[in-house]
Amino acid sequence: MSTTTLRTGATVATPTLMTTTAIIAELWAKNPIAAFELATLARNPDHVPFGDTADVFARFGLTDHAGRLHTDSREIVLASFDGDDVDLHLVDPIAEG
C-alpha cells in the first residue's frame, strides 16, 4: 500500500488521505460549522462537538464508536487546517518535497 507524508511529519495511507481530504473539502464548502468542529476535535480529543456534528463525522466514517477520530483521520485533519477561530483555513496537508 502506498503512503504519503503529511506536512506534520505523520505518514498515512494514500487512499485514506485522498478520501479524507475530499470529505474535509466537502464539509468546508457545505457545512463550515462541522469543518470547524472537526478541526477543533482533532486538536482537542476531549472537545464535545456542537449540535449534530458528531453524527456527521460518524456518517463519513471519521470517528470510532466512541466518537473519537480514527488515528489517520486525525492526522490528516491536523495537517489540513491552519489558523484558529475566524482565521481557520484549509492548507495542503501533503509535505513539500
PDB file of N, CA and C in Angstrom:
ATOM      1  N   MET A   1       0.846  -1.165   0.000  1.00  0.00           N
ATOM      2  CA  MET A   1       0.000   0.000   0.000  1.00  0.00           C
ATOM      3  C   MET A   1       0.902   1.241   0.000  1.00  0.00           C
ATOM      4  N   SER A   2       0.530   2.225  -0.780  1.00  0.00           N
ATOM      5  CA  SER A   2       1.325   3.447  -0.826  1.00  0.00           C
ATOM      6  C   SER A   2       0.972   4.343   0.360  1.00  0.00           C
ATOM      7  N   THR A   3       1.961   5.098   0.783  1.00  0.00           N
ATOM      8  CA  THR A   3       1.776   6.029   1.885  1.00  0.00           C
ATOM      9  C   THR A   3       2.219   7.420   1.451  1.00  0.00           C
ATOM     10  N   THR A   4       1.746   8.414   2.190  1.00  0.00           N
ATOM     11  CA  THR A   4       2.084   9.808   1.930  1.00  0.00           C
ATOM     12  C   THR A   4       2.479  10.463   3.237  1.00  0.00           C
ATOM     13  N   THR A   5       3.511  11.277   3.191  1.00  0.00           N
ATOM     14  CA  THR A   5       3.935  12.024   4.371  1.00  0.00           C
ATOM     15  C   THR A   5       3.214  13.368   4.383  1.00  0.00           C
ATOM     16  N   LEU A   6       2.648  13.685   5.533  1.00  0.00           N
ATOM     17  CA  LEU A   6       1.925  14.940   5.709  1.00  0.00           C
ATOM     18  C   LEU A   6       2.859  16.052   6.156  1.00  0.00           C
ATOM     19  N   ARG A   7       2.395  17.272   6.065  1.00  0.00           N
ATOM     20  CA  ARG A   7       3.224  18.413   6.461  1.00  0.00           C
ATOM     21  C   ARG A   7       3.543  18.399   7.954  1.00  0.00           C
ATOM     22  N   THR A   8       2.802  17.620   8.736  1.00  0.00           N
ATOM     23  CA  THR A   8       3.053  17.482  10.168  1.00  0.00           C
ATOM     24  C   THR A   8       4.115  16.436  10.463  1.00  0.00           C
ATOM     25  N   GLY A   9       4.525  15.683   9.426  1.00  0.00           N
ATOM     26  CA  GLY A   9       5.500  14.618   9.595  1.00  0.00           C
ATOM     27  C   GLY A   9       4.878  13.242   9.709  1.00  0.00           C
ATOM     28  N   ALA A  10       3.581  13.171   9.922  1.00  0.00           N
ATOM     29  CA  ALA A  10       2.891  11.878  10.012  1.00  0.00           C
ATOM     30  C   ALA A  10       2.828  11.236   8.630  1.00  0.00           C
ATOM     31  N   THR A  11       2.791   9.917   8.614  1.00  0.00           N
ATOM     32  CA  THR A  11       2.645   9.162   7.372  1.00  0.00           C
ATOM     33  C   THR A  11       1.323   8.407   7.425  1.00  0.00           C
ATOM     34  N   VAL A  12       0.541   8.531   6.351  1.00  0.00           N
ATOM     35  CA  VAL A  12      -0.769   7.880   6.294  1.00  0.00           C
ATOM     36  C   VAL A  12      -0.913   7.154   4.961  1.00  0.00           C
ATOM     37  N   ALA A  13      -1.845   6.218   4.912  1.00  0.00           N
ATOM     38  CA  ALA A  13      -2.135   5.507   3.669  1.00  0.00           C
ATOM     39  C   ALA A  13      -2.697   6.503   2.650  1.00  0.00           C
ATOM     40  N   THR A  14      -2.162   6.463   1.449  1.00  0.00           N
ATOM     41  CA  THR A  14      -2.579   7.410   0.409  1.00  0.00           C
ATOM     42  C   THR A  14      -4.077   7.333   0.108  1.00  0.00           C
ATOM     43  N   PRO A  15      -4.683   6.147  -0.004  1.00  0.00           N
ATOM     44  CA  PRO A  15      -6.132   6.114  -0.244  1.00  0.00           C
ATOM     45  C   PRO A  15      -6.934   6.784   0.879  1.00  0.00           C
ATOM     46  N   THR A  16      -6.488   6.614   2.112  1.00  0.00           N
ATOM     47  CA  THR A  16      -7.158   7.259   3.244  1.00  0.00           C
ATOM     48  C   THR A  16      -7.013   8.771   3.141  1.00  0.00           C
ATOM     49  N   LEU A  17      -5.837   9.234   2.759  1.00  0.00           N
ATOM     50  CA  LEU A  17      -5.607  10.668   2.577  1.00  0.00           C
ATOM     51  C   LEU A  17      -6.543  11.234   1.522  1.00  0.00           C
ATOM     52  N   MET A  18      -6.660  10.568   0.394  1.00  0.00           N
ATOM     53  CA  MET A  18      -7.495  11.068  -0.697  1.00  0.00           C
ATOM     54  C   MET A  18      -8.963  11.144  -0.276  1.00  0.00           C
ATOM     55  N   THR A  19      -9.438  10.107   0.385  1.00  0.00           N
ATOM     56  CA  THR A  19     -10.827  10.073   0.830  1.00  0.00           C
ATOM     57  C   THR A  19     -11.092  11.135   1.888  1.00  0.00           C
ATOM     58  N   THR A  20     -10.215  11.223   2.859  1.00  0.00           N
ATOM     59  CA  THR A  20     -10.425  12.154   3.970  1.00  0.00           C
ATOM     60  C   THR A  20     -10.317  13.603   3.514  1.00  0.00           C
ATOM     61  N   THR A  21      -9.393  13.920   2.626  1.00  0.00           N
ATOM     62  CA  THR A  21      -9.298  15.303   2.139  1.00  0.00           C
ATOM     63  C   THR A  21     -10.536  15.677   1.327  1.00  0.00           C
ATOM     64  N   ALA A  22     -11.117  14.727   0.615  1.00  0.00           N
ATOM     65  CA  ALA A  22     -12.363  15.004  -0.114  1.00  0.00           C
ATOM     66  C   ALA A  22     -13.503  15.299   0.864  1.00  0.00           C
ATOM     67  N   ILE A  23     -13.557  14.554   1.959  1.00  0.00           N
ATOM     68  CA  ILE A  23     -14.576  14.782   2.987  1.00  0.00           C
ATOM     69  C   ILE A  23     -14.375  16.163   3.617  1.00  0.00           C
ATOM     70  N   ILE A  24     -13.140  16.489   3.951  1.00  0.00           N
ATOM     71  CA  ILE A  24     -12.851  17.795   4.561  1.00  0.00           C
ATOM     72  C   ILE A  24     -13.264  18.920   3.620  1.00  0.00           C
ATOM     73  N   ALA A  25     -12.948  18.787   2.337  1.00  0.00           N
ATOM     74  CA  ALA A  25     -13.309  19.816   1.361  1.00  0.00           C
ATOM     75  C   ALA A  25     -14.830  19.974   1.263  1.00  0.00           C
ATOM     76  N   GLU A  26     -15.535  18.853   1.284  1.00  0.00           N
ATOM     77  CA  GLU A  26     -16.998  18.922   1.229  1.00  0.00           C
ATOM     78  C   GLU A  26     -17.563  19.596   2.474  1.00  0.00           C
ATOM     79  N   LEU A  27     -17.043  19.235   3.642  1.00  0.00           N
ATOM     80  CA  LEU A  27     -17.503  19.891   4.869  1.00  0.00           C
ATOM     81  C   LEU A  27     -17.216  21.386   4.830  1.00  0.00           C
ATOM     82  N   TRP A  28     -16.027  21.753   4.378  1.00  0.00           N
ATOM     83  CA  TRP A  28     -15.644  23.166   4.319  1.00  0.00           C
ATOM     84  C   TRP A  28     -16.609  23.950   3.420  1.00  0.00           C
ATOM     85  N   ALA A  29     -17.002  23.342   2.306  1.00  0.00           N
ATOM     86  CA  ALA A  29     -17.869  24.008   1.340  1.00  0.00           C
ATOM     87  C   ALA A  29     -19.345  24.008   1.752  1.00  0.00           C
ATOM     88  N   LYS A  30     -19.799  22.903   2.350  1.00  0.00           N
ATOM     89  CA  LYS A  30     -21.231  22.742   2.589  1.00  0.00           C
ATOM     90  C   LYS A  30     -21.660  22.828   4.048  1.00  0.00           C
ATOM     91  N   ASN A  31     -20.722  22.632   4.963  1.00  0.00           N
ATOM     92  CA  ASN A  31     -21.056  22.626   6.387  1.00  0.00           C
ATOM     93  C   ASN A  31     -19.859  23.165   7.169  1.00  0.00           C
ATOM     94  N   PRO A  32     -19.594  24.470   7.057  1.00  0.00           N
ATOM     95  CA  PRO A  32     -18.399  25.028   7.696  1.00  0.00           C
ATOM     96  C   PRO A  32     -18.371  24.875   9.216  1.00  0.00           C
ATOM     97  N   ILE A  33     -19.525  24.820   9.841  1.00  0.00           N
ATOM     98  CA  ILE A  33     -19.536  24.606  11.293  1.00  0.00           C
ATOM     99  C   ILE A  33     -18.966  23.223  11.607  1.00  0.00           C
ATOM    100  N   ALA A  34     -19.356  22.226  10.826  1.00  0.00           N
ATOM    101  CA  ALA A  34     -18.824  20.872  11.032  1.00  0.00           C
ATOM    102  C   ALA A  34     -17.320  20.842  10.759  1.00  0.00           C
ATOM    103  N   ALA A  35     -16.869  21.574   9.744  1.00  0.00           N
ATOM    104  CA  ALA A  35     -15.434  21.629   9.445  1.00  0.00           C
ATOM    105  C   ALA A  35     -14.674  22.247  10.623  1.00  0.00           C
ATOM    106  N   PHE A  36     -15.199  23.319  11.172  1.00  0.00           N
ATOM    107  CA  PHE A  36     -14.573  23.963  12.332  1.00  0.00           C
ATOM    108  C   PHE A  36     -14.544  22.999  13.514  1.00  0.00           C
ATOM    109  N   GLU A  37     -15.655  22.317  13.753  1.00  0.00           N
ATOM    110  CA  GLU A  37     -15.728  21.361  14.858  1.00  0.00           C
ATOM    111  C   GLU A  37     -14.757  20.198  14.640  1.00  0.00           C
ATOM    112  N   LEU A  38     -14.598  19.780  13.396  1.00  0.00           N
ATOM    113  CA  LEU A  38     -13.661  18.705  13.079  1.00  0.00           C
ATOM    114  C   LEU A  38     -12.230  19.115  13.412  1.00  0.00           C
ATOM    115  N   ALA A  39     -11.853  20.320  13.010  1.00  0.00           N
ATOM    116  CA  ALA A  39     -10.514  20.820  13.323  1.00  0.00           C
ATOM    117  C   ALA A  39     -10.319  20.924  14.831  1.00  0.00           C
ATOM    118  N   THR A  40     -11.342  21.388  15.526  1.00  0.00           N
ATOM    119  CA  THR A  40     -11.262  21.531  16.980  1.00  0.00           C
ATOM    120  C   THR A  40     -11.137  20.165  17.656  1.00  0.00           C
ATOM    121  N   LEU A  41     -11.909  19.186  17.192  1.00  0.00           N
ATOM    122  CA  LEU A  41     -11.846  17.838  17.767  1.00  0.00           C
ATOM    123  C   LEU A  41     -10.477  17.203  17.528  1.00  0.00           C
ATOM    124  N   ALA A  42      -9.906  17.429  16.357  1.00  0.00           N
ATOM    125  CA  ALA A  42      -8.578  16.869  16.079  1.00  0.00           C
ATOM    126  C   ALA A  42      -7.532  17.476  17.003  1.00  0.00           C
ATOM    127  N   ARG A  43      -7.656  18.752  17.292  1.00  0.00           N
ATOM    128  CA  ARG A  43      -6.691  19.438  18.153  1.00  0.00           C
ATOM    129  C   ARG A  43      -6.907  19.136  19.627  1.00  0.00           C
ATOM    130  N   ASN A  44      -8.162  18.843  19.991  1.00  0.00           N
ATOM    131  CA  ASN A  44      -8.510  18.587  21.392  1.00  0.00           C
ATOM    132  C   ASN A  44      -9.467  17.401  21.450  1.00  0.00           C
ATOM    133  N   PRO A  45      -8.955  16.190  21.643  1.00  0.00           N
ATOM    134  CA  PRO A  45      -9.817  14.998  21.653  1.00  0.00           C
ATOM    135  C   PRO A  45     -10.904  15.020  22.730  1.00  0.00           C
ATOM    136  N   ASP A  46     -10.794  15.874  23.729  1.00  0.00           N
ATOM    137  CA  ASP A  46     -11.821  15.974  24.775  1.00  0.00           C
ATOM    138  C   ASP A  46     -12.948  16.928  24.386  1.00  0.00           C
ATOM    139  N   HIS A  47     -12.810  17.600  23.248  1.00  0.00           N
ATOM    140  CA  HIS A  47     -13.837  18.535  22.777  1.00  0.00           C
ATOM    141  C   HIS A  47     -15.142  17.792  22.511  1.00  0.00           C
ATOM    142  N   VAL A  48     -16.255  18.393  22.902  1.00  0.00           N
ATOM    143  CA  VAL A  48     -17.578  17.844  22.613  1.00  0.00           C
ATOM    144  C   VAL A  48     -18.128  18.612  21.416  1.00  0.00           C
ATOM    145  N   PRO A  49     -18.276  17.949  20.279  1.00  0.00           N
ATOM    146  CA  PRO A  49     -18.738  18.644  19.074  1.00  0.00           C
ATOM    147  C   PRO A  49     -20.128  19.253  19.242  1.00  0.00           C
ATOM    148  N   PHE A  50     -20.324  20.386  18.601  1.00  0.00           N
ATOM    149  CA  PHE A  50     -21.566  21.151  18.653  1.00  0.00           C
ATOM    150  C   PHE A  50     -22.662  20.480  17.823  1.00  0.00           C
ATOM    151  N   GLY A  51     -23.875  20.533  18.344  1.00  0.00           N
ATOM    152  CA  GLY A  51     -25.046  20.082  17.591  1.00  0.00           C
ATOM    153  C   GLY A  51     -24.922  18.646  17.110  1.00  0.00           C
ATOM    154  N   ASP A  52     -25.239  18.452  15.825  1.00  0.00           N
ATOM    155  CA  ASP A  52     -25.211  17.110  15.256  1.00  0.00           C
ATOM    156  C   ASP A  52     -23.909  16.800  14.523  1.00  0.00           C
ATOM    157  N   THR A  53     -22.879  17.607  14.749  1.00  0.00           N
ATOM    158  CA  THR A  53     -21.643  17.409  14.001  1.00  0.00           C
ATOM    159  C   THR A  53     -20.974  16.064  14.309  1.00  0.00           C
ATOM    160  N   ALA A  54     -21.140  15.548  15.510  1.00  0.00           N
ATOM    161  CA  ALA A  54     -20.582  14.222  15.827  1.00  0.00           C
ATOM    162  C   ALA A  54     -21.223  13.159  14.935  1.00  0.00           C
ATOM    163  N   ASP A  55     -22.519  13.309  14.665  1.00  0.00           N
ATOM    164  CA  ASP A  55     -23.211  12.378  13.771  1.00  0.00           C
ATOM    165  C   ASP A  55     -22.685  12.516  12.338  1.00  0.00           C
ATOM    166  N   VAL A  56     -22.397  13.736  11.932  1.00  0.00           N
ATOM    167  CA  VAL A  56     -21.836  13.977  10.599  1.00  0.00           C
ATOM    168  C   VAL A  56     -20.505  13.253  10.465  1.00  0.00           C
ATOM    169  N   PHE A  57     -19.650  13.382  11.464  1.00  0.00           N
ATOM    170  CA  PHE A  57     -18.336  12.724  11.433  1.00  0.00           C
ATOM    171  C   PHE A  57     -18.499  11.204  11.359  1.00  0.00           C
ATOM    172  N   ALA A  58     -19.442  10.669  12.134  1.00  0.00           N
ATOM    173  CA  ALA A  58     -19.680   9.224  12.146  1.00  0.00           C
ATOM    174  C   ALA A  58     -20.181   8.745  10.784  1.00  0.00           C
ATOM    175  N   ARG A  59     -21.086   9.507  10.157  1.00  0.00           N
ATOM    176  CA  ARG A  59     -21.610   9.115   8.843  1.00  0.00           C
ATOM    177  C   ARG A  59     -20.509   9.056   7.797  1.00  0.00           C
ATOM    178  N   PHE A  60     -19.520   9.935   7.918  1.00  0.00           N
ATOM    179  CA  PHE A  60     -18.400   9.928   6.984  1.00  0.00           C
ATOM    180  C   PHE A  60     -17.326   8.904   7.372  1.00  0.00           C
ATOM    181  N   GLY A  61     -17.491   8.241   8.506  1.00  0.00           N
ATOM    182  CA  GLY A  61     -16.537   7.222   8.933  1.00  0.00           C
ATOM    183  C   GLY A  61     -15.250   7.786   9.521  1.00  0.00           C
ATOM    184  N   LEU A  62     -15.294   9.034   9.985  1.00  0.00           N
ATOM    185  CA  LEU A  62     -14.095   9.666  10.543  1.00  0.00           C
ATOM    186  C   LEU A  62     -13.849   9.290  11.997  1.00  0.00           C
ATOM    187  N   THR A  63     -14.895   8.813  12.685  1.00  0.00           N
ATOM    188  CA  THR A  63     -14.792   8.531  14.116  1.00  0.00           C
ATOM    189  C   THR A  63     -15.111   7.068  14.408  1.00  0.00           C
ATOM    190  N   ASP A  64     -14.658   6.626  15.588  1.00  0.00           N
ATOM    191  CA  ASP A  64     -14.974   5.270  16.037  1.00  0.00           C
ATOM    192  C   ASP A  64     -16.305   5.278  16.792  1.00  0.00           C
ATOM    193  N   HIS A  65     -16.660   4.142  17.373  1.00  0.00           N
ATOM    194  CA  HIS A  65     -17.936   4.017  18.086  1.00  0.00           C
ATOM    195  C   HIS A  65     -18.045   4.950  19.295  1.00  0.00           C
ATOM    196  N   ALA A  66     -16.924   5.398  19.824  1.00  0.00           N
ATOM    197  CA  ALA A  66     -16.937   6.296  20.986  1.00  0.00           C
ATOM    198  C   ALA A  66     -16.857   7.773  20.581  1.00  0.00           C
ATOM    199  N   GLY A  67     -16.857   8.044  19.285  1.00  0.00           N
ATOM    200  CA  GLY A  67     -16.818   9.426  18.826  1.00  0.00           C
ATOM    201  C   GLY A  67     -15.418  10.006  18.711  1.00  0.00           C
ATOM    202  N   ARG A  68     -14.402   9.169  18.844  1.00  0.00           N
ATOM    203  CA  ARG A  68     -13.014   9.633  18.705  1.00  0.00           C
ATOM    204  C   ARG A  68     -12.588   9.535  17.242  1.00  0.00           C
ATOM    205  N   LEU A  69     -11.829  10.501  16.790  1.00  0.00           N
ATOM    206  CA  LEU A  69     -11.317  10.439  15.428  1.00  0.00           C
ATOM    207  C   LEU A  69     -10.366   9.259  15.278  1.00  0.00           C
ATOM    208  N   HIS A  70     -10.481   8.531  14.165  1.00  0.00           N
ATOM    209  CA  HIS A  70      -9.509   7.493  13.858  1.00  0.00           C
ATOM    210  C   HIS A  70      -8.138   8.151  13.726  1.00  0.00           C
ATOM    211  N   THR A  71      -7.096   7.435  14.044  1.00  0.00           N
ATOM    212  CA  THR A  71      -5.746   7.996  14.068  1.00  0.00           C
ATOM    213  C   THR A  71      -5.372   8.666  12.754  1.00  0.00           C
ATOM    214  N   ASP A  72      -5.539   7.967  11.630  1.00  0.00           N
ATOM    215  CA  ASP A  72      -5.184   8.571  10.345  1.00  0.00           C
ATOM    216  C   ASP A  72      -6.067   9.773  10.030  1.00  0.00           C
ATOM    217  N   SER A  73      -7.353   9.674  10.340  1.00  0.00           N
ATOM    218  CA  SER A  73      -8.255  10.813  10.119  1.00  0.00           C
ATOM    219  C   SER A  73      -7.777  12.028  10.898  1.00  0.00           C
ATOM    220  N   ARG A  74      -7.426  11.805  12.148  1.00  0.00           N
ATOM    221  CA  ARG A  74      -6.962  12.911  12.985  1.00  0.00           C
ATOM    222  C   ARG A  74      -5.698  13.532  12.411  1.00  0.00           C
ATOM    223  N   GLU A  75      -4.754  12.714  11.998  1.00  0.00           N
ATOM    224  CA  GLU A  75      -3.507  13.235  11.430  1.00  0.00           C
ATOM    225  C   GLU A  75      -3.777  14.056  10.171  1.00  0.00           C
ATOM    226  N   ILE A  76      -4.674  13.578   9.327  1.00  0.00           N
ATOM    227  CA  ILE A  76      -4.994  14.289   8.089  1.00  0.00           C
ATOM    228  C   ILE A  76      -5.694  15.611   8.396  1.00  0.00           C
ATOM    229  N   VAL A  77      -6.615  15.601   9.335  1.00  0.00           N
ATOM    230  CA  VAL A  77      -7.301  16.838   9.722  1.00  0.00           C
ATOM    231  C   VAL A  77      -6.301  17.840  10.288  1.00  0.00           C
ATOM    232  N   LEU A  78      -5.422  17.388  11.170  1.00  0.00           N
ATOM    233  CA  LEU A  78      -4.419  18.293  11.743  1.00  0.00           C
ATOM    234  C   LEU A  78      -3.549  18.924  10.659  1.00  0.00           C
ATOM    235  N   ALA A  79      -3.213  18.145   9.643  1.00  0.00           N
ATOM    236  CA  ALA A  79      -2.365  18.653   8.559  1.00  0.00           C
ATOM    237  C   ALA A  79      -3.133  19.519   7.570  1.00  0.00           C
ATOM    238  N   SER A  80      -4.468  19.419   7.566  1.00  0.00           N
ATOM    239  CA  SER A  80      -5.289  20.116   6.571  1.00  0.00           C
ATOM    240  C   SER A  80      -5.751  21.502   6.995  1.00  0.00           C
ATOM    241  N   PHE A  81      -5.633  21.807   8.270  1.00  0.00           N
ATOM    242  CA  PHE A  81      -6.104  23.104   8.767  1.00  0.00           C
ATOM    243  C   PHE A  81      -4.954  23.889   9.372  1.00  0.00           C
ATOM    244  N   ASP A  82      -5.031  25.204   9.217  1.00  0.00           N
ATOM    245  CA  ASP A  82      -4.089  26.112   9.849  1.00  0.00           C
ATOM    246  C   ASP A  82      -4.895  27.279  10.398  1.00  0.00           C
ATOM    247  N   GLY A  83      -4.366  27.945  11.399  1.00  0.00           N
ATOM    248  CA  GLY A  83      -5.053  29.085  11.990  1.00  0.00           C
ATOM    249  C   GLY A  83      -6.018  28.671  13.084  1.00  0.00           C
ATOM    250  N   ASP A  84      -6.609  29.665  13.710  1.00  0.00           N
ATOM    251  CA  ASP A  84      -7.549  29.457  14.803  1.00  0.00           C
ATOM    252  C   ASP A  84      -8.777  30.333  14.610  1.00  0.00           C
ATOM    253  N   ASP A  85      -9.873  29.888  15.186  1.00  0.00           N
ATOM    254  CA  ASP A  85     -11.117  30.648  15.203  1.00  0.00           C
ATOM    255  C   ASP A  85     -11.457  31.181  13.814  1.00  0.00           C
ATOM    256  N   VAL A  86     -11.653  32.499  13.684  1.00  0.00           N
ATOM    257  CA  VAL A  86     -12.054  33.062  12.394  1.00  0.00           C
ATOM    258  C   VAL A  86     -10.941  33.012  11.357  1.00  0.00           C
ATOM    259  N   ASP A  87      -9.722  32.743  11.772  1.00  0.00           N
ATOM    260  CA  ASP A  87      -8.601  32.624  10.836  1.00  0.00           C
ATOM    261  C   ASP A  87      -8.362  31.186  10.385  1.00  0.00           C
ATOM    262  N   LEU A  88      -9.209  30.266  10.802  1.00  0.00           N
ATOM    263  CA  LEU A  88      -9.055  28.865  10.400  1.00  0.00           C
ATOM    264  C   LEU A  88      -9.207  28.759   8.885  1.00  0.00           C
ATOM    265  N   HIS A  89      -8.289  28.035   8.249  1.00  0.00           N
ATOM    266  CA  HIS A  89      -8.360  27.866   6.801  1.00  0.00           C
ATOM    267  C   HIS A  89      -7.708  26.544   6.405  1.00  0.00           C
ATOM    268  N   LEU A  90      -8.106  26.087   5.224  1.00  0.00           N
ATOM    269  CA  LEU A  90      -7.547  24.842   4.688  1.00  0.00           C
ATOM    270  C   LEU A  90      -6.189  25.094   4.079  1.00  0.00           C
ATOM    271  N   VAL A  91      -5.313  24.107   4.214  1.00  0.00           N
ATOM    272  CA  VAL A  91      -3.996  24.130   3.583  1.00  0.00           C
ATOM    273  C   VAL A  91      -3.745  22.755   2.975  1.00  0.00           C
ATOM    274  N   ASP A  92      -2.766  22.681   2.108  1.00  0.00           N
ATOM    275  CA  ASP A  92      -2.379  21.398   1.527  1.00  0.00           C
ATOM    276  C   ASP A  92      -1.757  20.545   2.630  1.00  0.00           C
ATOM    277  N   PRO A  93      -2.335  19.369   2.916  1.00  0.00           N
ATOM    278  CA  PRO A  93      -1.821  18.553   4.011  1.00  0.00           C
ATOM    279  C   PRO A  93      -0.521  17.809   3.682  1.00  0.00           C
ATOM    280  N   ILE A  94      -0.165  17.742   2.422  1.00  0.00           N
ATOM    281  CA  ILE A  94       0.979  16.937   1.997  1.00  0.00           C
ATOM    282  C   ILE A  94       2.287  17.712   2.181  1.00  0.00           C
ATOM    283  N   ALA A  95       3.281  17.009   2.700  1.00  0.00           N
ATOM    284  CA  ALA A  95       4.596  17.617   2.919  1.00  0.00           C
ATOM    285  C   ALA A  95       5.230  17.994   1.584  1.00  0.00           C
ATOM    286  N   GLU A  96       5.942  19.094   1.584  1.00  0.00           N
ATOM    287  CA  GLU A  96       6.672  19.510   0.387  1.00  0.00           C
ATOM    288  C   GLU A  96       7.890  18.622   0.194  1.00  0.00           C
ATOM    289  N   GLY A  97       8.234  18.437  -1.069  1.00  0.00           N
ATOM    290  CA  GLY A  97       9.451  17.688  -1.368  1.00  0.00           C
ATOM    291  C   GLY A  97       9.152  16.328  -1.671  1.00  0.00           C
TER     292      GLY A  97
END
